[in-house]
Amino acid sequence: MPKMYGSMLCPDCVEAKEYFEKINYKYDFVNITESMANLKEFLHLRDTRKEFDEVRSFKYVGIPAILTDDNKIIIGDDVFKIK
């Protein structure tokens, strides 16, 4: 099942969750501000995947981010392209 990394403190993440509910997109939500373990999991992904290079260069957090079943990363506004 895809994973969405995000935070309920992030307006874009809240909007993405609402969008996914609307289109009935199934995923596991990893709230990176809920626990240190969740934050570490996300930071490891963000700091080791080339898809986050631009995000890191601008000093953005990089959420919302989706890790798909086929190991692809979808970041930011691109999550709204999921149908």
PDB file of N, CA and C in Angstrom:
ATOM      1  N   MET A   1       0.850  -1.179   0.000  1.00  0.00           N
ATOM      2  CA  MET A   1       0.000   0.000   0.000  1.00  0.00           C
ATOM      3  C   MET A   1       0.897   1.244   0.000  1.00  0.00           C
ATOM      4  N   PRO A   2       0.547   2.269  -0.783  1.00  0.00           N
ATOM      5  CA  PRO A   2       1.339   3.508  -0.790  1.00  0.00           C
ATOM      6  C   PRO A   2       1.371   4.144   0.596  1.00  0.00           C
ATOM      7  N   LYS A   3       2.444   4.906   0.850  1.00  0.00           N
ATOM      8  CA  LYS A   3       2.571   5.654   2.098  1.00  0.00           C
ATOM      9  C   LYS A   3       2.590   7.133   1.778  1.00  0.00           C
ATOM     10  N   MET A   4       1.830   7.897   2.542  1.00  0.00           N
ATOM     11  CA  MET A   4       1.909   9.352   2.452  1.00  0.00           C
ATOM     12  C   MET A   4       2.609   9.847   3.705  1.00  0.00           C
ATOM     13  N   TYR A   5       3.713  10.555   3.497  1.00  0.00           N
ATOM     14  CA  TYR A   5       4.408  11.204   4.598  1.00  0.00           C
ATOM     15  C   TYR A   5       3.908  12.634   4.680  1.00  0.00           C
ATOM     16  N   GLY A   6       3.509  13.044   5.875  1.00  0.00           N
ATOM     17  CA  GLY A   6       2.988  14.388   6.041  1.00  0.00           C
ATOM     18  C   GLY A   6       2.803  14.723   7.499  1.00  0.00           C
ATOM     19  N   SER A   7       2.106  15.810   7.739  1.00  0.00           N
ATOM     20  CA  SER A   7       1.821  16.275   9.091  1.00  0.00           C
ATOM     21  C   SER A   7       0.473  16.974   9.088  1.00  0.00           C
ATOM     22  N   MET A   8      -0.258  16.796  10.156  1.00  0.00           N
ATOM     23  CA  MET A   8      -1.529  17.503  10.283  1.00  0.00           C
ATOM     24  C   MET A   8      -1.302  18.987  10.579  1.00  0.00           C
ATOM     25  N   LEU A   9      -0.061  19.389  10.799  1.00  0.00           N
ATOM     26  CA  LEU A   9       0.298  20.799  10.981  1.00  0.00           C
ATOM     27  C   LEU A   9       0.556  21.487   9.645  1.00  0.00           C
ATOM     28  N   CYS A  10       0.573  20.709   8.575  1.00  0.00           N
ATOM     29  CA  CYS A  10       0.883  21.198   7.228  1.00  0.00           C
ATOM     30  C   CYS A  10      -0.415  21.340   6.430  1.00  0.00           C
ATOM     31  N   PRO A  11      -0.795  22.566   6.066  1.00  0.00           N
ATOM     32  CA  PRO A  11      -2.046  22.756   5.313  1.00  0.00           C
ATOM     33  C   PRO A  11      -2.089  21.971   4.001  1.00  0.00           C
ATOM     34  N   ASP A  12      -0.959  21.860   3.305  1.00  0.00           N
ATOM     35  CA  ASP A  12      -0.932  21.101   2.051  1.00  0.00           C
ATOM     36  C   ASP A  12      -1.198  19.615   2.295  1.00  0.00           C
ATOM     37  N   CYS A  13      -0.711  19.102   3.408  1.00  0.00           N
ATOM     38  CA  CYS A  13      -0.935  17.693   3.741  1.00  0.00           C
ATOM     39  C   CYS A  13      -2.397  17.438   4.085  1.00  0.00           C
ATOM     40  N   VAL A  14      -2.985  18.340   4.832  1.00  0.00           N
ATOM     41  CA  VAL A  14      -4.406  18.213   5.171  1.00  0.00           C
ATOM     42  C   VAL A  14      -5.240  18.233   3.892  1.00  0.00           C
ATOM     43  N   GLU A  15      -4.907  19.139   2.980  1.00  0.00           N
ATOM     44  CA  GLU A  15      -5.617  19.222   1.698  1.00  0.00           C
ATOM     45  C   GLU A  15      -5.431  17.938   0.890  1.00  0.00           C
ATOM     46  N   ALA A  16      -4.219  17.393   0.899  1.00  0.00           N
ATOM     47  CA  ALA A  16      -3.960  16.148   0.172  1.00  0.00           C
ATOM     48  C   ALA A  16      -4.774  14.997   0.760  1.00  0.00           C
ATOM     49  N   LYS A  17      -4.834  14.910   2.086  1.00  0.00           N
ATOM     50  CA  LYS A  17      -5.640  13.858   2.723  1.00  0.00           C
ATOM     51  C   LYS A  17      -7.107  13.980   2.321  1.00  0.00           C
ATOM     52  N   GLU A  18      -7.625  15.196   2.301  1.00  0.00           N
ATOM     53  CA  GLU A  18      -9.021  15.413   1.892  1.00  0.00           C
ATOM     54  C   GLU A  18      -9.229  15.014   0.434  1.00  0.00           C
ATOM     55  N   TYR A  19      -8.271  15.357  -0.420  1.00  0.00           N
ATOM     56  CA  TYR A  19      -8.345  14.991  -1.836  1.00  0.00           C
ATOM     57  C   TYR A  19      -8.369  13.466  -1.991  1.00  0.00           C
ATOM     58  N   PHE A  20      -7.491  12.772  -1.271  1.00  0.00           N
ATOM     59  CA  PHE A  20      -7.429  11.314  -1.379  1.00  0.00           C
ATOM     60  C   PHE A  20      -8.711  10.661  -0.882  1.00  0.00           C
ATOM     61  N   GLU A  21      -9.308  11.220   0.160  1.00  0.00           N
ATOM     62  CA  GLU A  21     -10.599  10.698   0.627  1.00  0.00           C
ATOM     63  C   GLU A  21     -11.656  10.868  -0.459  1.00  0.00           C
ATOM     64  N   LYS A  22     -11.636  12.024  -1.113  1.00  0.00           N
ATOM     65  CA  LYS A  22     -12.617  12.322  -2.160  1.00  0.00           C
ATOM     66  C   LYS A  22     -12.512  11.344  -3.335  1.00  0.00           C
ATOM     67  N   ILE A  23     -11.275  10.987  -3.720  1.00  0.00           N
ATOM     68  CA  ILE A  23     -11.093  10.088  -4.865  1.00  0.00           C
ATOM     69  C   ILE A  23     -10.973   8.624  -4.438  1.00  0.00           C
ATOM     70  N   ASN A  24     -11.127   8.375  -3.125  1.00  0.00           N
ATOM     71  CA  ASN A  24     -11.061   7.022  -2.574  1.00  0.00           C
ATOM     72  C   ASN A  24      -9.706   6.356  -2.825  1.00  0.00           C
ATOM     73  N   TYR A  25      -8.636   7.117  -2.657  1.00  0.00           N
ATOM     74  CA  TYR A  25      -7.265   6.620  -2.805  1.00  0.00           C
ATOM     75  C   TYR A  25      -6.827   6.019  -1.475  1.00  0.00           C
ATOM     76  N   LYS A  26      -6.433   4.769  -1.498  1.00  0.00           N
ATOM     77  CA  LYS A  26      -6.038   4.059  -0.281  1.00  0.00           C
ATOM     78  C   LYS A  26      -4.529   4.194  -0.062  1.00  0.00           C
ATOM     79  N   TYR A  27      -4.148   4.534   1.151  1.00  0.00           N
ATOM     80  CA  TYR A  27      -2.747   4.737   1.502  1.00  0.00           C
ATOM     81  C   TYR A  27      -2.598   4.662   3.017  1.00  0.00           C
ATOM     82  N   ASP A  28      -1.368   4.473   3.465  1.00  0.00           N
ATOM     83  CA  ASP A  28      -1.046   4.575   4.887  1.00  0.00           C
ATOM     84  C   ASP A  28      -0.485   5.967   5.131  1.00  0.00           C
ATOM     85  N   PHE A  29      -0.961   6.631   6.181  1.00  0.00           N
ATOM     86  CA  PHE A  29      -0.486   7.971   6.515  1.00  0.00           C
ATOM     87  C   PHE A  29       0.576   7.873   7.601  1.00  0.00           C
ATOM     88  N   VAL A  30       1.745   8.443   7.330  1.00  0.00           N
ATOM     89  CA  VAL A  30       2.824   8.509   8.308  1.00  0.00           C
ATOM     90  C   VAL A  30       2.942   9.962   8.738  1.00  0.00           C
ATOM     91  N   ASN A  31       2.461  10.246   9.949  1.00  0.00           N
ATOM     92  CA  ASN A  31       2.473  11.606  10.485  1.00  0.00           C
ATOM     93  C   ASN A  31       3.858  11.872  11.069  1.00  0.00           C
ATOM     94  N   ILE A  32       4.661  12.672  10.364  1.00  0.00           N
ATOM     95  CA  ILE A  32       6.055  12.866  10.764  1.00  0.00           C
ATOM     96  C   ILE A  32       6.203  13.712  12.024  1.00  0.00           C
ATOM     97  N   THR A  33       5.143  14.378  12.454  1.00  0.00           N
ATOM     98  CA  THR A  33       5.219  15.161  13.691  1.00  0.00           C
ATOM     99  C   THR A  33       4.582  14.428  14.871  1.00  0.00           C
ATOM    100  N   GLU A  34       4.187  13.190  14.648  1.00  0.00           N
ATOM    101  CA  GLU A  34       3.552  12.402  15.704  1.00  0.00           C
ATOM    102  C   GLU A  34       4.572  11.690  16.588  1.00  0.00           C
ATOM    103  N   SER A  35       5.682  11.261  15.975  1.00  0.00           N
ATOM    104  CA  SER A  35       6.688  10.536  16.756  1.00  0.00           C
ATOM    105  C   SER A  35       8.066  10.710  16.130  1.00  0.00           C
ATOM    106  N   MET A  36       9.080  10.529  16.948  1.00  0.00           N
ATOM    107  CA  MET A  36      10.454  10.603  16.463  1.00  0.00           C
ATOM    108  C   MET A  36      10.724   9.493  15.451  1.00  0.00           C
ATOM    109  N   ALA A  37      10.151   8.321  15.658  1.00  0.00           N
ATOM    110  CA  ALA A  37      10.342   7.207  14.721  1.00  0.00           C
ATOM    111  C   ALA A  37       9.806   7.564  13.336  1.00  0.00           C
ATOM    112  N   ASN A  38       8.620   8.180  13.280  1.00  0.00           N
ATOM    113  CA  ASN A  38       8.047   8.583  11.992  1.00  0.00           C
ATOM    114  C   ASN A  38       8.909   9.646  11.322  1.00  0.00           C
ATOM    115  N   LEU A  39       9.391  10.610  12.103  1.00  0.00           N
ATOM    116  CA  LEU A  39      10.248  11.660  11.552  1.00  0.00           C
ATOM    117  C   LEU A  39      11.539  11.066  11.007  1.00  0.00           C
ATOM    118  N   LYS A  40      12.155  10.156  11.747  1.00  0.00           N
ATOM    119  CA  LYS A  40      13.392   9.517  11.284  1.00  0.00           C
ATOM    120  C   LYS A  40      13.162   8.727   9.998  1.00  0.00           C
ATOM    121  N   GLU A  41      12.036   8.021   9.928  1.00  0.00           N
ATOM    122  CA  GLU A  41      11.710   7.251   8.717  1.00  0.00           C
ATOM    123  C   GLU A  41      11.632   8.175   7.507  1.00  0.00           C
ATOM    124  N   PHE A  42      10.929   9.305   7.668  1.00  0.00           N
ATOM    125  CA  PHE A  42      10.802  10.243   6.557  1.00  0.00           C
ATOM    126  C   PHE A  42      12.140  10.885   6.213  1.00  0.00           C
ATOM    127  N   LEU A  43      12.890  11.337   7.213  1.00  0.00           N
ATOM    128  CA  LEU A  43      14.167  12.003   6.936  1.00  0.00           C
ATOM    129  C   LEU A  43      15.139  11.073   6.227  1.00  0.00           C
ATOM    130  N   HIS A  44      15.131   9.799   6.589  1.00  0.00           N
ATOM    131  CA  HIS A  44      15.983   8.838   5.884  1.00  0.00           C
ATOM    132  C   HIS A  44      15.588   8.762   4.405  1.00  0.00           C
ATOM    133  N   LEU A  45      14.297   8.685   4.150  1.00  0.00           N
ATOM    134  CA  LEU A  45      13.811   8.647   2.766  1.00  0.00           C
ATOM    135  C   LEU A  45      14.204   9.931   2.037  1.00  0.00           C
ATOM    136  N   ARG A  46      13.919  11.069   2.644  1.00  0.00           N
ATOM    137  CA  ARG A  46      14.187  12.366   2.015  1.00  0.00           C
ATOM    138  C   ARG A  46      15.674  12.577   1.753  1.00  0.00           C
ATOM    139  N   ASP A  47      16.496  12.149   2.677  1.00  0.00           N
ATOM    140  CA  ASP A  47      17.926  12.424   2.563  1.00  0.00           C
ATOM    141  C   ASP A  47      18.670  11.421   1.700  1.00  0.00           C
ATOM    142  N   THR A  48      17.999  10.352   1.256  1.00  0.00           N
ATOM    143  CA  THR A  48      18.683   9.339   0.450  1.00  0.00           C
ATOM    144  C   THR A  48      18.116   9.180  -0.960  1.00  0.00           C
ATOM    145  N   ARG A  49      17.031   9.855  -1.265  1.00  0.00           N
ATOM    146  CA  ARG A  49      16.408   9.713  -2.587  1.00  0.00           C
ATOM    147  C   ARG A  49      16.642  10.961  -3.426  1.00  0.00           C
ATOM    148  N   LYS A  50      17.079  10.749  -4.672  1.00  0.00           N
ATOM    149  CA  LYS A  50      17.379  11.869  -5.569  1.00  0.00           C
ATOM    150  C   LYS A  50      16.154  12.715  -5.890  1.00  0.00           C
ATOM    151  N   GLU A  51      14.967  12.118  -5.785  1.00  0.00           N
ATOM    152  CA  GLU A  51      13.741  12.861  -6.078  1.00  0.00           C
ATOM    153  C   GLU A  51      13.569  14.075  -5.163  1.00  0.00           C
ATOM    154  N   PHE A  52      14.227  14.054  -4.016  1.00  0.00           N
ATOM    155  CA  PHE A  52      14.127  15.154  -3.058  1.00  0.00           C
ATOM    156  C   PHE A  52      15.254  16.180  -3.206  1.00  0.00           C
ATOM    157  N   ASP A  53      16.141  16.017  -4.200  1.00  0.00           N
ATOM    158  CA  ASP A  53      17.279  16.935  -4.353  1.00  0.00           C
ATOM    159  C   ASP A  53      16.840  18.392  -4.433  1.00  0.00           C
ATOM    160  N   GLU A  54      15.866  18.688  -5.278  1.00  0.00           N
ATOM    161  CA  GLU A  54      15.407  20.069  -5.433  1.00  0.00           C
ATOM    162  C   GLU A  54      14.760  20.577  -4.142  1.00  0.00           C
ATOM    163  N   VAL A  55      13.974  19.744  -3.511  1.00  0.00           N
ATOM    164  CA  VAL A  55      13.322  20.105  -2.247  1.00  0.00           C
ATOM    165  C   VAL A  55      14.379  20.486  -1.214  1.00  0.00           C
ATOM    166  N   ARG A  56      15.405  19.641  -1.094  1.00  0.00           N
ATOM    167  CA  ARG A  56      16.470  19.917  -0.125  1.00  0.00           C
ATOM    168  C   ARG A  56      17.237  21.177  -0.489  1.00  0.00           C
ATOM    169  N   SER A  57      17.451  21.422  -1.782  1.00  0.00           N
ATOM    170  CA  SER A  57      18.225  22.602  -2.191  1.00  0.00           C
ATOM    171  C   SER A  57      17.531  23.901  -1.807  1.00  0.00           C
ATOM    172  N   PHE A  58      16.204  23.879  -1.725  1.00  0.00           N
ATOM    173  CA  PHE A  58      15.443  25.065  -1.320  1.00  0.00           C
ATOM    174  C   PHE A  58      15.128  25.064   0.181  1.00  0.00           C
ATOM    175  N   LYS A  59      15.659  24.052   0.888  1.00  0.00           N
ATOM    176  CA  LYS A  59      15.457  23.928   2.339  1.00  0.00           C
ATOM    177  C   LYS A  59      13.989  23.711   2.722  1.00  0.00           C
ATOM    178  N   TYR A  60      13.228  23.064   1.813  1.00  0.00           N
ATOM    179  CA  TYR A  60      11.848  22.698   2.106  1.00  0.00           C
ATOM    180  C   TYR A  60      11.829  21.366   2.854  1.00  0.00           C
ATOM    181  N   VAL A  61      10.748  21.099   3.551  1.00  0.00           N
ATOM    182  CA  VAL A  61      10.601  19.827   4.260  1.00  0.00           C
ATOM    183  C   VAL A  61      10.382  18.693   3.259  1.00  0.00           C
ATOM    184  N   GLY A  62       9.497  18.910   2.283  1.00  0.00           N
ATOM    185  CA  GLY A  62       9.249  17.886   1.272  1.00  0.00           C
ATOM    186  C   GLY A  62       7.981  17.092   1.488  1.00  0.00           C
ATOM    187  N   ILE A  63       7.022  17.696   2.192  1.00  0.00           N
ATOM    188  CA  ILE A  63       5.733  17.036   2.393  1.00  0.00           C
ATOM    189  C   ILE A  63       4.633  17.889   1.792  1.00  0.00           C
ATOM    190  N   PRO A  64       3.558  17.295   1.354  1.00  0.00           N
ATOM    191  CA  PRO A  64       3.280  15.868   1.372  1.00  0.00           C
ATOM    192  C   PRO A  64       4.150  15.116   0.367  1.00  0.00           C
ATOM    193  N   ALA A  65       4.444  13.880   0.700  1.00  0.00           N
ATOM    194  CA  ALA A  65       5.211  13.009  -0.186  1.00  0.00           C
ATOM    195  C   ALA A  65       4.589  11.619  -0.150  1.00  0.00           C
ATOM    196  N   ILE A  66       4.482  11.021  -1.322  1.00  0.00           N
ATOM    197  CA  ILE A  66       3.925   9.669  -1.454  1.00  0.00           C
ATOM    198  C   ILE A  66       5.041   8.731  -1.900  1.00  0.00           C
ATOM    199  N   LEU A  67       5.165   7.610  -1.220  1.00  0.00           N
ATOM    200  CA  LEU A  67       6.010   6.512  -1.666  1.00  0.00           C
ATOM    201  C   LEU A  67       5.060   5.460  -2.216  1.00  0.00           C
ATOM    202  N   THR A  68       5.102   5.247  -3.534  1.00  0.00           N
ATOM    203  CA  THR A  68       4.156   4.343  -4.186  1.00  0.00           C
ATOM    204  C   THR A  68       4.575   2.883  -4.015  1.00  0.00           C
ATOM    205  N   ASP A  69       3.669   1.998  -4.370  1.00  0.00           N
ATOM    206  CA  ASP A  69       3.956   0.568  -4.281  1.00  0.00           C
ATOM    207  C   ASP A  69       5.116   0.155  -5.173  1.00  0.00           C
ATOM    208  N   ASP A  70       5.333   0.892  -6.263  1.00  0.00           N
ATOM    209  CA  ASP A  70       6.448   0.564  -7.152  1.00  0.00           C
ATOM    210  C   ASP A  70       7.679   1.427  -6.856  1.00  0.00           C
ATOM    211  N   ASN A  71       7.771   1.940  -5.617  1.00  0.00           N
ATOM    212  CA  ASN A  71       8.945   2.640  -5.100  1.00  0.00           C
ATOM    213  C   ASN A  71       9.220   3.987  -5.765  1.00  0.00           C
ATOM    214  N   LYS A  72       8.185   4.619  -6.300  1.00  0.00           N
ATOM    215  CA  LYS A  72       8.333   5.963  -6.851  1.00  0.00           C
ATOM    216  C   LYS A  72       7.949   6.977  -5.783  1.00  0.00           C
ATOM    217  N   ILE A  73       8.517   8.173  -5.918  1.00  0.00           N
ATOM    218  CA  ILE A  73       8.238   9.259  -4.985  1.00  0.00           C
ATOM    219  C   ILE A  73       7.437  10.334  -5.715  1.00  0.00           C
ATOM    220  N   ILE A  74       6.363  10.795  -5.093  1.00  0.00           N
ATOM    221  CA  ILE A  74       5.553  11.898  -5.615  1.00  0.00           C
ATOM    222  C   ILE A  74       5.538  12.963  -4.525  1.00  0.00           C
ATOM    223  N   ILE A  75       5.941  14.188  -4.889  1.00  0.00           N
ATOM    224  CA  ILE A  75       6.157  15.234  -3.884  1.00  0.00           C
ATOM    225  C   ILE A  75       5.293  16.459  -4.166  1.00  0.00           C
ATOM    226  N   GLY A  76       4.832  17.079  -3.091  1.00  0.00           N
ATOM    227  CA  GLY A  76       4.166  18.381  -3.172  1.00  0.00           C
ATOM    228  C   GLY A  76       2.895  18.349  -3.984  1.00  0.00           C
ATOM    229  N   ASP A  77       2.729  19.370  -4.830  1.00  0.00           N
ATOM    230  CA  ASP A  77       1.499  19.507  -5.618  1.00  0.00           C
ATOM    231  C   ASP A  77       1.269  18.347  -6.583  1.00  0.00           C
ATOM    232  N   ASP A  78       2.327  17.608  -6.912  1.00  0.00           N
ATOM    233  CA  ASP A  78       2.161  16.472  -7.820  1.00  0.00           C
ATOM    234  C   ASP A  78       1.261  15.388  -7.228  1.00  0.00           C
ATOM    235  N   VAL A  79       1.081  15.378  -5.906  1.00  0.00           N
ATOM    236  CA  VAL A  79       0.189  14.371  -5.314  1.00  0.00           C
ATOM    237  C   VAL A  79      -1.244  14.564  -5.795  1.00  0.00           C
ATOM    238  N   PHE A  80      -1.581  15.781  -6.209  1.00  0.00           N
ATOM    239  CA  PHE A  80      -2.944  16.048  -6.680  1.00  0.00           C
ATOM    240  C   PHE A  80      -3.174  15.553  -8.110  1.00  0.00           C
ATOM    241  N   LYS A  81      -2.132  15.030  -8.750  1.00  0.00           N
ATOM    242  CA  LYS A  81      -2.265  14.434 -10.081  1.00  0.00           C
ATOM    243  C   LYS A  81      -2.664  12.964  -9.994  1.00  0.00           C
ATOM    244  N   ILE A  82      -2.618  12.404  -8.796  1.00  0.00           N
ATOM    245  CA  ILE A  82      -3.023  11.009  -8.600  1.00  0.00           C
ATOM    246  C   ILE A  82      -4.527  10.908  -8.814  1.00  0.00           C
ATOM    247  N   LYS A  83      -4.930   9.949  -9.599  1.00  0.00           N
ATOM    248  CA  LYS A  83      -6.366   9.752  -9.899  1.00  0.00           C
ATOM    249  C   LYS A  83      -6.837   8.423  -9.365  1.00  0.00           C
TER     250      LYS A  83
END
